[in-house]
Amino acid sequence: MAQPLRHAKQTARSRQKYTELSKRPLYILAFLLPMIVYYEIALYIANKNIQIKAHDALIRFFERFDMPPTQGLFLGGVAIVTILAIKHIMSKDRWAVEPKVIVGMTVESILLTFPLLAFGSLLTIVAVATSPSVISGFGLSERIAVSLGAGIYEEFIFRWLLITGVHTLVCNVFKQSNVAGLSAGIIISAVTFAMYHDFPDFGTLGLGALLFFGFAGIYLSLIYVNRGFGIAAGTHAAYDLVVTILFARSEERRVGKECRSRWSPYHEKQKKKNKNEKRSTAE
């Protein structure tokens, strides 16, 4: 009887340790750094425009300080890395990372995509995050880059900066409770997140898409508040990877199959006949 009880306590302590470590700045940095590097390198060498609007907004911000766009290209990633490094230094924790925690963060991020996929399926707009028509010309590496970039920089702006800013304003300036500050931050974050996907051509998204983005904004905000920036960004990136690679490709195959099915052998013969008639007329 004592052995199972001891095992249960050890499991609870391990789970509590993982939950705590995965929210620490150094672990978030170790988890997100490969994604940041991949996106920034892909953005620099890509022949197509794979820049995320949130990343572009950060560059526009740095331009206000007379920073040329080419030099400010990597500053979004540098800013995230620098902030996390400074927070870790201020915490005075040791510079060591347990690999199993990073693996756990990856698995957790993947598992947390299922509610988003389920809700998207319910609204029959699973692939709304990135329309197949937009990414149809992208290769696999470019789709991966777009997904990682969206996960990192959209969460950085809409969750980390916006929720933190609103929470600070409500609690420190207006002297409201912590719950009021977080609630206001989550609502404002979700609304602006939905509007962001409808920008700059407002009214182009349907009601279903706006509902999805509003739900996604609330869901990712709750993940950010309870599990931290790393898991929120990882979940967002993992969802976009599923959408842009799996669902987008299946949609492209479906459309291509429909087009081929409409082009019957009769149409092919008729096309050749018309060509021959035109050639005879010309002669």
Protein backbone atom coordinates (compact mmCIF):
# COMPACT_ATOMS: atom_id res chain seq x y z
CA MET A 1 0.00 0.00 0.00
CA ALA A 2 2.89 2.32 0.83
CA GLN A 3 4.62 1.72 -2.52
CA PRO A 4 1.75 2.96 -4.76
CA LEU A 5 1.26 5.95 -2.47
CA ARG A 6 4.96 6.82 -2.66
CA HIS A 7 4.86 6.47 -6.46
CA ALA A 8 1.80 8.75 -6.67
CA LYS A 9 3.57 11.41 -4.59
CA GLN A 10 6.68 11.20 -6.79
CA THR A 11 4.54 11.54 -9.92
CA ALA A 12 2.78 14.59 -8.46
CA ARG A 13 6.13 16.18 -7.55
CA SER A 14 7.50 15.50 -11.05
CA ARG A 15 4.42 17.02 -12.64
CA GLN A 16 4.65 20.06 -10.38
CA LYS A 17 8.35 20.42 -11.19
CA TYR A 18 7.67 20.23 -14.93
CA THR A 19 4.86 22.80 -14.69
CA GLU A 20 7.17 25.20 -12.87
CA LEU A 21 10.26 24.68 -15.03
CA SER A 22 8.38 24.99 -18.33
CA LYS A 23 7.36 28.55 -17.39
CA ARG A 24 10.88 29.69 -16.55
CA PRO A 25 12.59 32.08 -19.01
CA LEU A 26 15.58 29.82 -19.74
CA TYR A 27 13.37 26.86 -20.64
CA ILE A 28 11.14 29.04 -22.81
CA LEU A 29 14.27 30.36 -24.53
CA ALA A 30 15.66 26.86 -25.11
CA PHE A 31 12.27 25.72 -26.44
CA LEU A 32 11.68 28.65 -28.81
CA LEU A 33 15.22 29.49 -29.96
CA PRO A 34 15.37 26.84 -32.73
CA MET A 35 12.01 28.09 -34.07
CA ILE A 36 13.17 31.72 -34.02
CA VAL A 37 16.43 30.89 -35.81
CA TYR A 38 14.64 28.78 -38.43
CA TYR A 39 12.11 31.51 -39.24
CA GLU A 40 14.64 34.35 -39.34
CA ILE A 41 17.00 32.41 -41.64
CA ALA A 42 14.12 31.33 -43.89
CA LEU A 43 12.87 34.92 -44.05
CA TYR A 44 16.31 36.08 -45.15
CA ILE A 45 16.91 33.46 -47.88
CA ALA A 46 13.34 32.85 -49.12
CA ASN A 47 12.46 33.88 -52.67
CA LYS A 48 8.82 34.40 -51.68
CA ASN A 49 7.30 36.81 -49.18
CA ILE A 50 6.84 34.70 -46.04
CA GLN A 51 6.88 37.58 -43.58
CA ILE A 52 4.22 37.42 -40.88
CA LYS A 53 2.23 40.63 -40.32
CA ALA A 54 3.15 40.57 -36.63
CA HIS A 55 6.84 40.34 -37.52
CA ASP A 56 6.44 43.16 -40.02
CA ALA A 57 4.81 45.28 -37.28
CA LEU A 58 7.90 44.81 -35.11
CA ILE A 59 10.14 45.95 -37.97
CA ARG A 60 7.94 49.03 -38.47
CA PHE A 61 8.33 49.73 -34.76
CA PHE A 62 12.13 49.61 -35.00
CA GLU A 63 11.99 51.88 -38.07
CA ARG A 64 10.69 54.62 -35.79
CA PHE A 65 14.17 54.66 -34.27
CA ASP A 66 15.75 55.18 -37.71
CA MET A 67 16.56 51.49 -38.04
CA PRO A 68 16.61 50.46 -41.75
CA PRO A 69 14.28 47.51 -42.56
CA THR A 70 17.19 45.32 -43.67
CA GLN A 71 18.99 45.84 -40.35
CA GLY A 72 15.79 45.54 -38.34
CA LEU A 73 14.84 42.25 -40.00
CA PHE A 74 16.18 40.12 -37.16
CA LEU A 75 15.42 42.49 -34.30
CA GLY A 76 12.06 40.86 -33.50
CA GLY A 77 13.79 37.58 -32.71
CA VAL A 78 16.67 39.37 -30.98
CA ALA A 79 14.17 41.23 -28.78
CA ILE A 80 12.47 38.02 -27.63
CA VAL A 81 15.78 36.28 -26.95
CA THR A 82 17.15 39.32 -25.10
CA ILE A 83 14.07 39.74 -22.89
CA LEU A 84 14.07 36.06 -21.93
CA ALA A 85 17.82 36.11 -21.24
CA ILE A 86 17.51 39.22 -19.04
CA LYS A 87 14.58 37.69 -17.12
CA HIS A 88 16.64 34.56 -16.52
CA ILE A 89 19.64 36.56 -15.31
CA MET A 90 17.42 38.54 -12.95
CA SER A 91 15.94 35.31 -11.56
CA LYS A 92 19.49 34.15 -10.66
CA ASP A 93 18.68 30.57 -11.68
CA ARG A 94 21.46 28.33 -12.90
CA TRP A 95 22.26 28.06 -16.63
CA ALA A 96 21.11 24.47 -17.06
CA VAL A 97 18.21 22.89 -18.93
CA GLU A 98 16.74 19.42 -18.51
CA PRO A 99 16.09 18.01 -22.02
CA LYS A 100 13.07 16.01 -20.85
CA VAL A 101 11.30 19.28 -19.97
CA ILE A 102 11.80 20.58 -23.54
CA VAL A 103 10.42 17.27 -24.85
CA GLY A 104 7.46 17.64 -22.50
CA MET A 105 6.81 21.18 -23.73
CA THR A 106 6.79 19.92 -27.32
CA VAL A 107 4.33 17.13 -26.54
CA GLU A 108 2.11 19.43 -24.48
CA SER A 109 2.00 22.02 -27.28
CA ILE A 110 0.95 19.35 -29.79
CA LEU A 111 -1.77 17.99 -27.49
CA LEU A 112 -3.16 21.48 -26.86
CA THR A 113 -3.82 21.96 -30.59
CA PHE A 114 -6.68 19.42 -30.53
CA PRO A 115 -9.33 21.78 -29.09
CA LEU A 116 -8.47 24.32 -31.82
CA LEU A 117 -8.70 21.66 -34.52
CA ALA A 118 -11.98 20.38 -33.08
CA PHE A 119 -13.53 23.84 -32.93
CA GLY A 120 -12.29 24.64 -36.43
CA SER A 121 -13.82 21.39 -37.72
CA LEU A 122 -17.07 22.25 -36.01
CA LEU A 123 -17.14 25.52 -37.95
CA THR A 124 -15.93 23.69 -41.09
CA ILE A 125 -13.02 26.17 -41.41
CA VAL A 126 -10.15 24.11 -40.04
CA ALA A 127 -7.65 25.80 -42.35
CA VAL A 128 -8.61 29.39 -41.65
CA ALA A 129 -5.26 30.24 -40.06
CA THR A 130 -3.58 30.24 -43.45
CA SER A 131 -5.72 29.95 -46.54
CA PRO A 132 -4.55 27.27 -49.02
CA SER A 133 -4.79 29.85 -51.79
CA VAL A 134 -2.21 31.98 -49.97
CA ILE A 135 0.32 29.22 -49.31
CA SER A 136 -0.30 27.06 -52.38
CA GLY A 137 2.90 28.36 -53.95
CA PHE A 138 4.99 27.71 -50.84
CA GLY A 139 7.32 24.76 -50.46
CA LEU A 140 7.51 22.62 -47.32
CA SER A 141 10.32 24.65 -45.72
CA GLU A 142 8.43 27.90 -46.37
CA ARG A 143 5.23 26.51 -44.85
CA ILE A 144 7.15 25.44 -41.77
CA ALA A 145 8.70 28.91 -41.51
CA VAL A 146 5.33 30.68 -41.82
CA SER A 147 3.83 28.44 -39.12
CA LEU A 148 6.70 28.94 -36.69
CA GLY A 149 6.81 32.69 -37.33
CA ALA A 150 3.09 33.09 -36.71
CA GLY A 151 3.28 31.08 -33.50
CA ILE A 152 6.17 33.07 -32.07
CA TYR A 153 5.52 36.66 -33.14
CA GLU A 154 1.72 36.71 -32.93
CA GLU A 155 1.89 35.26 -29.43
CA PHE A 156 4.62 37.73 -28.52
CA ILE A 157 2.47 40.71 -29.54
CA PHE A 158 -1.07 39.57 -28.71
CA ARG A 159 -0.39 37.55 -25.58
CA TRP A 160 2.90 38.59 -23.96
CA LEU A 161 2.91 42.31 -24.75
CA LEU A 162 -0.82 43.02 -24.95
CA ILE A 163 -2.07 40.99 -21.98
CA THR A 164 0.86 42.12 -19.85
CA GLY A 165 0.29 45.75 -20.84
CA VAL A 166 -3.47 45.69 -20.19
CA HIS A 167 -3.00 43.83 -16.91
CA THR A 168 -0.43 46.39 -15.73
CA LEU A 169 -2.69 49.28 -16.73
CA VAL A 170 -5.81 47.89 -15.05
CA CYS A 171 -4.09 46.78 -11.85
CA ASN A 172 -1.45 49.49 -11.34
CA VAL A 173 -3.16 52.56 -12.82
CA PHE A 174 -6.85 51.85 -12.21
CA LYS A 175 -6.15 49.86 -9.01
CA GLN A 176 -8.37 46.93 -9.96
CA SER A 177 -7.96 43.30 -8.94
CA ASN A 178 -5.65 40.78 -10.59
CA VAL A 179 -8.67 38.90 -11.97
CA ALA A 180 -10.04 42.09 -13.52
CA GLY A 181 -6.68 42.84 -15.12
CA LEU A 182 -6.32 39.36 -16.59
CA SER A 183 -9.94 39.28 -17.78
CA ALA A 184 -9.58 42.62 -19.54
CA GLY A 185 -6.29 41.50 -21.08
CA ILE A 186 -7.75 38.25 -22.39
CA ILE A 187 -10.83 39.92 -23.91
CA ILE A 188 -8.87 42.72 -25.57
CA SER A 189 -6.27 40.24 -26.81
CA ALA A 190 -8.92 37.98 -28.35
CA VAL A 191 -10.76 40.85 -30.08
CA THR A 192 -7.61 42.41 -31.52
CA PHE A 193 -6.35 38.96 -32.56
CA ALA A 194 -9.52 38.38 -34.59
CA MET A 195 -9.38 41.88 -36.11
CA TYR A 196 -5.71 41.36 -36.99
CA HIS A 197 -6.61 38.44 -39.26
CA ASP A 198 -9.20 40.61 -41.02
CA PHE A 199 -6.71 43.46 -41.57
CA PRO A 200 -6.22 45.42 -43.80
CA ASP A 201 -9.28 44.41 -45.88
CA PHE A 202 -11.91 44.51 -43.15
CA GLY A 203 -15.03 42.49 -43.92
CA THR A 204 -13.27 39.84 -46.03
CA LEU A 205 -13.54 37.16 -43.34
CA GLY A 206 -16.86 35.44 -42.77
CA LEU A 207 -18.62 35.17 -39.42
CA GLY A 208 -17.34 31.62 -38.92
CA ALA A 209 -13.72 32.68 -39.39
CA LEU A 210 -14.10 35.60 -36.97
CA LEU A 211 -15.69 33.29 -34.40
CA PHE A 212 -12.81 30.88 -34.79
CA PHE A 213 -10.15 33.56 -34.36
CA GLY A 214 -12.01 34.98 -31.37
CA PHE A 215 -12.14 31.52 -29.77
CA ALA A 216 -8.48 30.92 -30.65
CA GLY A 217 -7.56 34.26 -29.07
CA ILE A 218 -9.31 33.38 -25.81
CA TYR A 219 -7.94 29.83 -25.81
CA LEU A 220 -4.34 30.87 -26.45
CA SER A 221 -4.66 33.66 -23.88
CA LEU A 222 -5.74 31.15 -21.25
CA ILE A 223 -2.79 28.95 -22.16
CA TYR A 224 -0.48 31.96 -21.87
CA VAL A 225 -1.87 32.94 -18.45
CA ASN A 226 -1.74 29.40 -17.05
CA ARG A 227 1.20 27.82 -18.89
CA GLY A 228 3.35 30.72 -20.02
CA PHE A 229 4.60 32.21 -23.28
CA GLY A 230 6.54 29.13 -24.40
CA ILE A 231 3.58 26.72 -24.43
CA ALA A 232 1.28 29.37 -25.95
CA ALA A 233 3.70 30.00 -28.83
CA GLY A 234 4.36 26.27 -29.24
CA THR A 235 0.64 25.47 -29.39
CA HIS A 236 0.01 28.22 -31.95
CA ALA A 237 2.95 27.06 -34.10
CA ALA A 238 1.93 23.39 -33.86
CA TYR A 239 -1.64 24.21 -34.93
CA ASP A 240 -0.43 26.25 -37.90
CA LEU A 241 1.93 23.43 -38.91
CA VAL A 242 -0.98 20.99 -39.02
CA VAL A 243 -3.10 23.44 -41.01
CA THR A 244 -0.50 24.63 -43.51
CA ILE A 245 1.08 21.24 -44.20
CA LEU A 246 -1.57 18.56 -43.73
CA PHE A 247 -4.94 20.24 -44.30
CA ALA A 248 -3.73 22.69 -46.95
CA ARG A 249 -2.12 19.90 -48.97
CA SER A 250 -5.19 17.68 -48.72
CA GLU A 251 -7.31 20.62 -49.91
CA GLU A 252 -4.97 21.20 -52.85
CA ARG A 253 -5.17 17.52 -53.80
CA ARG A 254 -8.96 17.64 -53.57
CA VAL A 255 -9.19 20.70 -55.83
CA GLY A 256 -6.73 19.18 -58.29
CA LYS A 257 -8.69 15.93 -58.36
CA GLU A 258 -11.92 17.80 -59.04
CA CYS A 259 -10.28 19.67 -61.91
CA ARG A 260 -8.94 16.45 -63.44
CA SER A 261 -12.30 14.72 -63.09
CA ARG A 262 -13.96 17.55 -65.01
CA TRP A 263 -11.46 17.19 -67.86
CA SER A 264 -12.75 13.97 -69.44
CA PRO A 265 -11.21 12.15 -72.46
CA TYR A 266 -14.00 13.65 -74.56
CA HIS A 267 -12.77 17.15 -73.74
CA GLU A 268 -9.23 16.13 -74.64
CA LYS A 269 -10.37 14.80 -78.04
CA GLN A 270 -12.45 17.91 -78.65
CA LYS A 271 -9.45 20.10 -77.85
CA LYS A 272 -7.28 18.23 -80.40
CA LYS A 273 -10.07 18.42 -83.00
CA ASN A 274 -10.34 22.20 -82.56
CA LYS A 275 -6.57 22.57 -82.95
CA ASN A 276 -6.61 20.54 -86.17
CA GLU A 277 -9.49 22.60 -87.57
CA LYS A 278 -7.63 25.84 -86.82
CA ARG A 279 -4.49 24.48 -88.50
CA SER A 280 -6.47 23.45 -91.60
CA THR A 281 -8.13 26.86 -91.82
CA ALA A 282 -4.77 28.61 -91.55
CA GLU A 283 -3.34 26.47 -94.39
